[in-house]
Amino acid sequence: MAPPPHEAPGKNTNCVRGVAFWPAPRNQAGMIDPSLRLRRAIHNNDALLVSRILSSCPQLIHNPDATPLGLSNTSLHLASSLGHVAIAKLLLDRGHESEGISLNEEYQTPLMLGAKEGHTEMVHLLCTVCPSSIARRDIRGRDAIMEASLAGHDTCLQILLTFSPDGPLKLLESCDNDGNTALHFASSNGHLLVLRTLLAAGADAERRNVWSWTPVAYSATVQAEVYFKGLVAEVERRKQVRRDAQERGTGAGVRLVVGEGEEM
């Protein structure tokens, strides 16, 4: 049996370590190192202090976290993972991404971390300012769409699909190193709203991963599998009705109506 295309539900393997747990390093004057002060200010959502530190030490704008578990996350990675929009705007205004999209040791973008945590305003901000980061993939081949789908953040997913520079279909065709698409991740975690959004946007329900498993094969529950199959059947019916309408020259549209419920 193929291993599942996701971590166990609720298991966070990419959490951002914004504050060290050992004694803070101090300089000769006995002051806490500015880089650590900056990360603490971001963690505490203190935009004023962040601005003051960067005014005094502009070279710390990126400030990659060099602690053992820090993954070299930059200031924007930390702000995005925490959903601190005001600080993210401040960092962007000061040129945090002016030389290119920030990547940590796992090649994750700030947008990926924001999408994973479901920070809608942050995702909207980063999609607006850095739309090219939407399709970027990390060392596992995952993009922001997959992270949002895995975590069940439907609103973030819709924003990502809307702002995709090349349109949603190209993103929906993308897969990770194991051949899993966003639909595989949504199905394996039982995120029904995400399933509906992905299928309505044109995701391929028959796409197989490297183990030849389709998304429906990873359904989290029997109820989720029934719901998934019902959605697929409705999407196919809608496509057929549209084809028939085009042949008749009427161009009639059909709405996709599904049952209630978000998670199973």
C-alpha atoms as a PDB file:
ATOM      1  CA  MET A   1       0.000   0.000   0.000  1.00  0.00           C
ATOM      2  CA  ALA A   2       1.277   3.424  -0.902  1.00  0.00           C
ATOM      3  CA  PRO A   3       2.234   5.768   1.920  1.00  0.00           C
ATOM      4  CA  PRO A   4      -0.168   8.687   2.379  1.00  0.00           C
ATOM      5  CA  PRO A   5       0.727  11.949   0.570  1.00  0.00           C
ATOM      6  CA  HIS A   6       0.558  14.026   3.741  1.00  0.00           C
ATOM      7  CA  GLU A   7       1.646  14.302   7.316  1.00  0.00           C
ATOM      8  CA  ALA A   8      -0.728  13.049   9.990  1.00  0.00           C
ATOM      9  CA  PRO A   9      -3.593  15.534  10.479  1.00  0.00           C
ATOM     10  CA  GLY A  10      -2.597  18.293  12.846  1.00  0.00           C
ATOM     11  CA  LYS A  11       1.097  17.449  12.731  1.00  0.00           C
ATOM     12  CA  ASN A  12       3.118  20.568  11.964  1.00  0.00           C
ATOM     13  CA  THR A  13       6.572  19.675  10.681  1.00  0.00           C
ATOM     14  CA  ASN A  14       7.448  23.104   9.344  1.00  0.00           C
ATOM     15  CA  CYS A  15       6.686  25.408  12.253  1.00  0.00           C
ATOM     16  CA  VAL A  16       8.730  28.556  12.377  1.00  0.00           C
ATOM     17  CA  ARG A  17      11.013  28.942  15.352  1.00  0.00           C
ATOM     18  CA  GLY A  18      10.913  32.673  15.858  1.00  0.00           C
ATOM     19  CA  VAL A  19      12.405  32.920  19.347  1.00  0.00           C
ATOM     20  CA  ALA A  20      15.364  31.009  20.754  1.00  0.00           C
ATOM     21  CA  PHE A  21      14.835  28.968  23.912  1.00  0.00           C
ATOM     22  CA  TRP A  22      18.336  29.388  25.288  1.00  0.00           C
ATOM     23  CA  PRO A  23      19.805  32.530  26.908  1.00  0.00           C
ATOM     24  CA  ALA A  24      19.766  35.443  24.486  1.00  0.00           C
ATOM     25  CA  PRO A  25      23.214  36.426  23.205  1.00  0.00           C
ATOM     26  CA  ARG A  26      24.391  39.849  24.318  1.00  0.00           C
ATOM     27  CA  ASN A  27      27.046  42.176  22.995  1.00  0.00           C
ATOM     28  CA  GLN A  28      29.853  43.772  24.986  1.00  0.00           C
ATOM     29  CA  ALA A  29      27.499  46.457  26.249  1.00  0.00           C
ATOM     30  CA  GLY A  30      25.177  43.812  27.677  1.00  0.00           C
ATOM     31  CA  MET A  31      22.460  44.457  25.076  1.00  0.00           C
ATOM     32  CA  ILE A  32      20.504  41.682  23.377  1.00  0.00           C
ATOM     33  CA  ASP A  33      21.678  41.035  19.834  1.00  0.00           C
ATOM     34  CA  PRO A  34      19.664  43.204  17.376  1.00  0.00           C
ATOM     35  CA  SER A  35      18.849  40.222  15.153  1.00  0.00           C
ATOM     36  CA  LEU A  36      17.151  38.442  18.045  1.00  0.00           C
ATOM     37  CA  ARG A  37      15.402  41.647  19.128  1.00  0.00           C
ATOM     38  CA  LEU A  38      14.022  41.961  15.606  1.00  0.00           C
ATOM     39  CA  ARG A  39      12.660  38.411  15.579  1.00  0.00           C
ATOM     40  CA  ARG A  40      11.118  38.947  19.005  1.00  0.00           C
ATOM     41  CA  ALA A  41       9.487  42.171  17.849  1.00  0.00           C
ATOM     42  CA  ILE A  42       8.006  40.395  14.826  1.00  0.00           C
ATOM     43  CA  HIS A  43       6.806  37.544  17.006  1.00  0.00           C
ATOM     44  CA  ASN A  44       5.129  40.053  19.349  1.00  0.00           C
ATOM     45  CA  ASN A  45       3.559  41.895  16.397  1.00  0.00           C
ATOM     46  CA  ASP A  46       5.256  45.142  17.425  1.00  0.00           C
ATOM     47  CA  ALA A  47       5.445  46.994  14.106  1.00  0.00           C
ATOM     48  CA  LEU A  48       6.767  50.175  15.733  1.00  0.00           C
ATOM     49  CA  LEU A  49       9.724  48.375  17.307  1.00  0.00           C
ATOM     50  CA  VAL A  50      10.430  46.541  14.050  1.00  0.00           C
ATOM     51  CA  SER A  51      10.539  49.888  12.257  1.00  0.00           C
ATOM     52  CA  ARG A  52      12.912  51.362  14.849  1.00  0.00           C
ATOM     53  CA  ILE A  53      15.280  48.386  14.716  1.00  0.00           C
ATOM     54  CA  LEU A  54      15.395  48.438  10.915  1.00  0.00           C
ATOM     55  CA  SER A  55      15.999  52.180  10.915  1.00  0.00           C
ATOM     56  CA  SER A  56      19.038  51.627  13.133  1.00  0.00           C
ATOM     57  CA  CYS A  57      20.152  48.386  11.459  1.00  0.00           C
ATOM     58  CA  PRO A  58      18.838  48.341   7.871  1.00  0.00           C
ATOM     59  CA  GLN A  59      21.162  45.446   7.047  1.00  0.00           C
ATOM     60  CA  LEU A  60      18.936  43.214   9.185  1.00  0.00           C
ATOM     61  CA  ILE A  61      15.978  43.473   6.804  1.00  0.00           C
ATOM     62  CA  HIS A  62      16.151  39.761   5.900  1.00  0.00           C
ATOM     63  CA  ASN A  63      17.689  38.493   9.150  1.00  0.00           C
ATOM     64  CA  PRO A  64      17.679  34.726   8.376  1.00  0.00           C
ATOM     65  CA  ASP A  65      17.231  32.652  11.514  1.00  0.00           C
ATOM     66  CA  ALA A  66      20.516  30.812  12.124  1.00  0.00           C
ATOM     67  CA  THR A  67      19.305  28.818  15.128  1.00  0.00           C
ATOM     68  CA  PRO A  68      19.352  24.998  14.756  1.00  0.00           C
ATOM     69  CA  LEU A  69      15.622  24.806  14.024  1.00  0.00           C
ATOM     70  CA  GLY A  70      15.303  28.179  12.308  1.00  0.00           C
ATOM     71  CA  LEU A  71      15.537  26.896   8.702  1.00  0.00           C
ATOM     72  CA  SER A  72      17.038  30.299   7.807  1.00  0.00           C
ATOM     73  CA  ASN A  73      13.546  31.786   7.796  1.00  0.00           C
ATOM     74  CA  THR A  74      13.670  35.478   7.002  1.00  0.00           C
ATOM     75  CA  SER A  75      11.773  38.286   8.689  1.00  0.00           C
ATOM     76  CA  LEU A  76       8.994  37.979   6.109  1.00  0.00           C
ATOM     77  CA  HIS A  77       8.792  34.207   6.588  1.00  0.00           C
ATOM     78  CA  LEU A  78       8.218  34.753  10.305  1.00  0.00           C
ATOM     79  CA  ALA A  79       5.685  37.556   9.838  1.00  0.00           C
ATOM     80  CA  SER A  80       3.796  35.538   7.227  1.00  0.00           C
ATOM     81  CA  SER A  81       3.635  32.392   9.346  1.00  0.00           C
ATOM     82  CA  LEU A  82       2.212  34.430  12.223  1.00  0.00           C
ATOM     83  CA  GLY A  83      -0.212  36.435  10.073  1.00  0.00           C
ATOM     84  CA  HIS A  84       1.204  39.813  11.097  1.00  0.00           C
ATOM     85  CA  VAL A  85       0.116  41.832   8.063  1.00  0.00           C
ATOM     86  CA  ALA A  86       1.232  45.266   9.279  1.00  0.00           C
ATOM     87  CA  ILE A  87       4.779  44.015   9.779  1.00  0.00           C
ATOM     88  CA  ALA A  88       4.751  42.256   6.415  1.00  0.00           C
ATOM     89  CA  LYS A  89       3.716  45.508   4.724  1.00  0.00           C
ATOM     90  CA  LEU A  90       6.512  47.322   6.544  1.00  0.00           C
ATOM     91  CA  LEU A  91       9.083  44.751   5.422  1.00  0.00           C
ATOM     92  CA  LEU A  92       7.857  44.851   1.828  1.00  0.00           C
ATOM     93  CA  ASP A  93       7.900  48.657   1.794  1.00  0.00           C
ATOM     94  CA  ARG A  94      11.521  48.540   2.963  1.00  0.00           C
ATOM     95  CA  GLY A  95      12.478  46.264   0.074  1.00  0.00           C
ATOM     96  CA  HIS A  96      12.458  42.817   1.640  1.00  0.00           C
ATOM     97  CA  GLU A  97      11.608  41.179  -1.704  1.00  0.00           C
ATOM     98  CA  SER A  98      13.186  43.762  -4.014  1.00  0.00           C
ATOM     99  CA  GLU A  99      16.018  41.403  -5.005  1.00  0.00           C
ATOM    100  CA  GLY A 100      13.852  38.325  -5.419  1.00  0.00           C
ATOM    101  CA  ILE A 101      11.550  35.991  -3.547  1.00  0.00           C
ATOM    102  CA  SER A 102      12.890  34.934  -0.145  1.00  0.00           C
ATOM    103  CA  LEU A 103      13.498  31.207   0.326  1.00  0.00           C
ATOM    104  CA  ASN A 104      14.402  29.293   3.461  1.00  0.00           C
ATOM    105  CA  GLU A 105      16.540  26.149   3.649  1.00  0.00           C
ATOM    106  CA  GLU A 106      13.641  24.054   2.348  1.00  0.00           C
ATOM    107  CA  TYR A 107      13.043  26.504  -0.515  1.00  0.00           C
ATOM    108  CA  GLN A 108       9.755  27.581   1.038  1.00  0.00           C
ATOM    109  CA  THR A 109       8.462  31.063   0.320  1.00  0.00           C
ATOM    110  CA  PRO A 110       6.757  33.342   2.859  1.00  0.00           C
ATOM    111  CA  LEU A 111       3.544  32.784   0.880  1.00  0.00           C
ATOM    112  CA  MET A 112       3.724  29.034   1.476  1.00  0.00           C
ATOM    113  CA  LEU A 113       3.943  29.545   5.235  1.00  0.00           C
ATOM    114  CA  GLY A 114       1.066  32.020   5.224  1.00  0.00           C
ATOM    115  CA  ALA A 115      -1.107  29.695   3.111  1.00  0.00           C
ATOM    116  CA  LYS A 116      -0.300  26.745   5.348  1.00  0.00           C
ATOM    117  CA  GLU A 117      -1.437  28.658   8.439  1.00  0.00           C
ATOM    118  CA  GLY A 118      -4.565  30.012   6.729  1.00  0.00           C
ATOM    119  CA  HIS A 119      -3.782  33.716   7.086  1.00  0.00           C
ATOM    120  CA  THR A 120      -6.162  35.105   4.455  1.00  0.00           C
ATOM    121  CA  GLU A 121      -5.067  38.746   4.578  1.00  0.00           C
ATOM    122  CA  MET A 122      -1.411  37.765   4.427  1.00  0.00           C
ATOM    123  CA  VAL A 123      -1.989  35.497   1.434  1.00  0.00           C
ATOM    124  CA  HIS A 124      -3.874  38.283  -0.343  1.00  0.00           C
ATOM    125  CA  LEU A 125      -1.070  40.760   0.362  1.00  0.00           C
ATOM    126  CA  LEU A 126       1.705  38.472  -0.867  1.00  0.00           C
ATOM    127  CA  CYS A 127      -0.271  37.395  -3.940  1.00  0.00           C
ATOM    128  CA  THR A 128      -0.762  41.056  -4.815  1.00  0.00           C
ATOM    129  CA  VAL A 129       2.858  42.090  -4.281  1.00  0.00           C
ATOM    130  CA  CYS A 130       4.626  38.874  -5.338  1.00  0.00           C
ATOM    131  CA  PRO A 131       2.318  36.931  -7.696  1.00  0.00           C
ATOM    132  CA  SER A 132       5.286  35.042  -9.130  1.00  0.00           C
ATOM    133  CA  SER A 133       5.713  33.272  -5.782  1.00  0.00           C
ATOM    134  CA  ILE A 134       2.374  31.463  -6.149  1.00  0.00           C
ATOM    135  CA  ALA A 135       3.790  28.758  -8.407  1.00  0.00           C
ATOM    136  CA  ARG A 136       7.165  28.415  -6.639  1.00  0.00           C
ATOM    137  CA  ARG A 137       7.818  24.932  -5.255  1.00  0.00           C
ATOM    138  CA  ASP A 138       9.887  23.768  -2.292  1.00  0.00           C
ATOM    139  CA  ILE A 139      12.320  20.846  -2.021  1.00  0.00           C
ATOM    140  CA  ARG A 140       9.392  18.405  -1.845  1.00  0.00           C
ATOM    141  CA  GLY A 141       7.827  19.883  -4.948  1.00  0.00           C
ATOM    142  CA  ARG A 142       4.954  21.503  -3.072  1.00  0.00           C
ATOM    143  CA  ASP A 143       3.576  24.943  -3.788  1.00  0.00           C
ATOM    144  CA  ALA A 144       1.293  27.302  -1.876  1.00  0.00           C
ATOM    145  CA  ILE A 145      -1.813  25.737  -3.464  1.00  0.00           C
ATOM    146  CA  MET A 146      -0.876  22.341  -2.057  1.00  0.00           C
ATOM    147  CA  GLU A 147      -0.146  23.773   1.385  1.00  0.00           C
ATOM    148  CA  ALA A 148      -3.539  25.495   1.523  1.00  0.00           C
ATOM    149  CA  SER A 149      -5.289  22.339   0.298  1.00  0.00           C
ATOM    150  CA  LEU A 150      -3.497  20.105   2.803  1.00  0.00           C
ATOM    151  CA  ALA A 151      -4.489  22.368   5.692  1.00  0.00           C
ATOM    152  CA  GLY A 152      -8.052  22.936   4.450  1.00  0.00           C
ATOM    153  CA  HIS A 153      -7.909  26.704   4.005  1.00  0.00           C
ATOM    154  CA  ASP A 154     -10.485  27.214   1.264  1.00  0.00           C
ATOM    155  CA  THR A 155     -10.462  31.025   1.223  1.00  0.00           C
ATOM    156  CA  CYS A 156      -6.677  31.103   0.871  1.00  0.00           C
ATOM    157  CA  LEU A 157      -6.949  28.566  -1.935  1.00  0.00           C
ATOM    158  CA  GLN A 158      -9.452  30.715  -3.817  1.00  0.00           C
ATOM    159  CA  ILE A 159      -7.180  33.747  -3.509  1.00  0.00           C
ATOM    160  CA  LEU A 160      -4.203  31.781  -4.837  1.00  0.00           C
ATOM    161  CA  LEU A 161      -6.187  30.483  -7.803  1.00  0.00           C
ATOM    162  CA  THR A 162      -7.504  33.962  -8.570  1.00  0.00           C
ATOM    163  CA  PHE A 163      -4.106  35.674  -8.534  1.00  0.00           C
ATOM    164  CA  SER A 164      -2.173  32.982 -10.411  1.00  0.00           C
ATOM    165  CA  PRO A 165      -0.369  34.798 -13.271  1.00  0.00           C
ATOM    166  CA  ASP A 166      -0.797  31.838 -15.644  1.00  0.00           C
ATOM    167  CA  GLY A 167      -4.338  30.995 -14.607  1.00  0.00           C
ATOM    168  CA  PRO A 168      -5.588  28.283 -12.241  1.00  0.00           C
ATOM    169  CA  LEU A 169      -5.346  25.267 -14.564  1.00  0.00           C
ATOM    170  CA  LYS A 170      -1.548  25.242 -14.658  1.00  0.00           C
ATOM    171  CA  LEU A 171      -1.425  25.301 -10.863  1.00  0.00           C
ATOM    172  CA  LEU A 172      -3.971  22.504 -10.591  1.00  0.00           C
ATOM    173  CA  GLU A 173      -1.857  20.327 -12.891  1.00  0.00           C
ATOM    174  CA  SER A 174       1.215  20.776 -10.692  1.00  0.00           C
ATOM    175  CA  CYS A 175       2.304  17.864  -8.507  1.00  0.00           C
ATOM    176  CA  ASP A 176       4.906  17.260  -5.815  1.00  0.00           C
ATOM    177  CA  ASN A 177       7.872  14.884  -5.979  1.00  0.00           C
ATOM    178  CA  ASP A 178       5.549  11.949  -5.280  1.00  0.00           C
ATOM    179  CA  GLY A 179       3.098  12.930  -7.986  1.00  0.00           C
ATOM    180  CA  ASN A 180       0.462  14.223  -5.565  1.00  0.00           C
ATOM    181  CA  THR A 181      -1.685  17.149  -6.648  1.00  0.00           C
ATOM    182  CA  ALA A 182      -3.576  19.613  -4.476  1.00  0.00           C
ATOM    183  CA  LEU A 183      -6.610  17.360  -4.924  1.00  0.00           C
ATOM    184  CA  HIS A 184      -4.717  14.418  -3.381  1.00  0.00           C
ATOM    185  CA  PHE A 185      -3.922  16.507  -0.299  1.00  0.00           C
ATOM    186  CA  ALA A 186      -7.476  17.805   0.095  1.00  0.00           C
ATOM    187  CA  SER A 187      -8.940  14.318  -0.278  1.00  0.00           C
ATOM    188  CA  SER A 188      -6.554  12.669   2.173  1.00  0.00           C
ATOM    189  CA  ASN A 189      -7.512  15.166   4.878  1.00  0.00           C
ATOM    190  CA  GLY A 190     -11.257  15.257   4.211  1.00  0.00           C
ATOM    191  CA  HIS A 191     -11.431  18.952   3.349  1.00  0.00           C
ATOM    192  CA  LEU A 192     -14.743  19.042   1.505  1.00  0.00           C
ATOM    193  CA  LEU A 193     -14.904  22.757   0.718  1.00  0.00           C
ATOM    194  CA  VAL A 194     -11.418  22.554  -0.752  1.00  0.00           C
ATOM    195  CA  LEU A 195     -12.431  19.537  -2.843  1.00  0.00           C
ATOM    196  CA  ARG A 196     -15.372  21.477  -4.220  1.00  0.00           C
ATOM    197  CA  THR A 197     -13.238  24.518  -5.033  1.00  0.00           C
ATOM    198  CA  LEU A 198     -10.536  22.471  -6.762  1.00  0.00           C
ATOM    199  CA  LEU A 199     -12.988  20.452  -8.858  1.00  0.00           C
ATOM    200  CA  ALA A 200     -14.972  23.540  -9.815  1.00  0.00           C
ATOM    201  CA  ALA A 201     -11.713  25.183 -10.924  1.00  0.00           C
ATOM    202  CA  GLY A 202     -10.904  22.239 -13.197  1.00  0.00           C
ATOM    203  CA  ALA A 203      -8.751  19.853 -11.138  1.00  0.00           C
ATOM    204  CA  ASP A 204      -8.334  16.387 -12.659  1.00  0.00           C
ATOM    205  CA  ALA A 205     -10.014  13.807 -10.406  1.00  0.00           C
ATOM    206  CA  GLU A 206      -8.363  10.939 -12.319  1.00  0.00           C
ATOM    207  CA  ARG A 207      -4.781  12.172 -11.913  1.00  0.00           C
ATOM    208  CA  ARG A 208      -2.580   9.439 -10.426  1.00  0.00           C
ATOM    209  CA  ASN A 209       0.514   9.819  -8.261  1.00  0.00           C
ATOM    210  CA  VAL A 210       3.696   7.733  -8.550  1.00  0.00           C
ATOM    211  CA  TRP A 211       1.918   4.822  -6.830  1.00  0.00           C
ATOM    212  CA  SER A 212      -0.956   5.057  -9.339  1.00  0.00           C
ATOM    213  CA  TRP A 213      -3.391   6.246  -6.673  1.00  0.00           C
ATOM    214  CA  THR A 214      -6.099   8.748  -7.600  1.00  0.00           C
ATOM    215  CA  PRO A 215      -7.224  11.483  -5.190  1.00  0.00           C
ATOM    216  CA  VAL A 216     -10.464   9.667  -4.326  1.00  0.00           C
ATOM    217  CA  ALA A 217      -8.435   6.626  -3.209  1.00  0.00           C
ATOM    218  CA  TYR A 218      -7.076   8.759  -0.361  1.00  0.00           C
ATOM    219  CA  SER A 219     -10.505   9.804   0.924  1.00  0.00           C
ATOM    220  CA  ALA A 220     -10.297  10.329   4.673  1.00  0.00           C
ATOM    221  CA  THR A 221     -13.692   8.691   5.369  1.00  0.00           C
ATOM    222  CA  VAL A 222     -16.375   6.742   3.546  1.00  0.00           C
ATOM    223  CA  GLN A 223     -18.628   9.796   3.705  1.00  0.00           C
ATOM    224  CA  ALA A 224     -15.901  11.938   2.169  1.00  0.00           C
ATOM    225  CA  GLU A 225     -15.468   9.402  -0.634  1.00  0.00           C
ATOM    226  CA  VAL A 226     -19.191   9.464  -1.392  1.00  0.00           C
ATOM    227  CA  TYR A 227     -19.171  13.257  -1.360  1.00  0.00           C
ATOM    228  CA  PHE A 228     -16.106  13.352  -3.627  1.00  0.00           C
ATOM    229  CA  LYS A 229     -17.643  10.979  -6.165  1.00  0.00           C
ATOM    230  CA  GLY A 230     -20.846  13.001  -6.116  1.00  0.00           C
ATOM    231  CA  LEU A 231     -18.914  16.177  -6.879  1.00  0.00           C
ATOM    232  CA  VAL A 232     -17.063  14.522  -9.752  1.00  0.00           C
ATOM    233  CA  ALA A 233     -20.323  13.231 -11.221  1.00  0.00           C
ATOM    234  CA  GLU A 234     -21.917  16.674 -10.939  1.00  0.00           C
ATOM    235  CA  VAL A 235     -18.939  18.354 -12.602  1.00  0.00           C
ATOM    236  CA  GLU A 236     -19.090  15.878 -15.480  1.00  0.00           C
ATOM    237  CA  ARG A 237     -22.833  16.404 -15.808  1.00  0.00           C
ATOM    238  CA  ARG A 238     -22.332  20.149 -15.937  1.00  0.00           C
ATOM    239  CA  LYS A 239     -19.689  19.792 -18.642  1.00  0.00           C
ATOM    240  CA  GLN A 240     -22.006  17.606 -20.706  1.00  0.00           C
ATOM    241  CA  VAL A 241     -24.874  20.071 -20.365  1.00  0.00           C
ATOM    242  CA  ARG A 242     -22.594  22.878 -21.510  1.00  0.00           C
ATOM    243  CA  ARG A 243     -21.426  20.844 -24.487  1.00  0.00           C
ATOM    244  CA  ASP A 244     -25.027  20.105 -25.427  1.00  0.00           C
ATOM    245  CA  ALA A 245     -25.927  23.766 -25.023  1.00  0.00           C
ATOM    246  CA  GLN A 246     -23.045  24.841 -27.256  1.00  0.00           C
ATOM    247  CA  GLU A 247     -24.110  22.367 -29.912  1.00  0.00           C
ATOM    248  CA  ARG A 248     -27.596  23.874 -29.813  1.00  0.00           C
ATOM    249  CA  GLY A 249     -26.085  27.343 -29.866  1.00  0.00           C
ATOM    250  CA  THR A 250     -27.819  28.461 -26.704  1.00  0.00           C
ATOM    251  CA  GLY A 251     -24.708  28.861 -24.523  1.00  0.00           C
ATOM    252  CA  ALA A 252     -26.725  28.121 -21.409  1.00  0.00           C
ATOM    253  CA  GLY A 253     -24.865  28.015 -18.085  1.00  0.00           C
ATOM    254  CA  VAL A 254     -25.319  25.589 -15.236  1.00  0.00           C
ATOM    255  CA  ARG A 255     -24.535  26.116 -11.587  1.00  0.00           C
ATOM    256  CA  LEU A 256     -22.789  23.484  -9.504  1.00  0.00           C
ATOM    257  CA  VAL A 257     -24.901  22.825  -6.411  1.00  0.00           C
ATOM    258  CA  VAL A 258     -23.537  20.598  -3.672  1.00  0.00           C
ATOM    259  CA  GLY A 259     -24.563  19.582  -0.200  1.00  0.00           C
ATOM    260  CA  GLU A 260     -23.708  21.388   2.988  1.00  0.00           C
ATOM    261  CA  GLY A 261     -20.782  20.644   5.247  1.00  0.00           C
ATOM    262  CA  GLU A 262     -17.130  21.507   5.419  1.00  0.00           C
ATOM    263  CA  GLU A 263     -15.224  18.639   7.003  1.00  0.00           C
ATOM    264  CA  MET A 264     -15.646  14.882   7.269  1.00  0.00           C
END
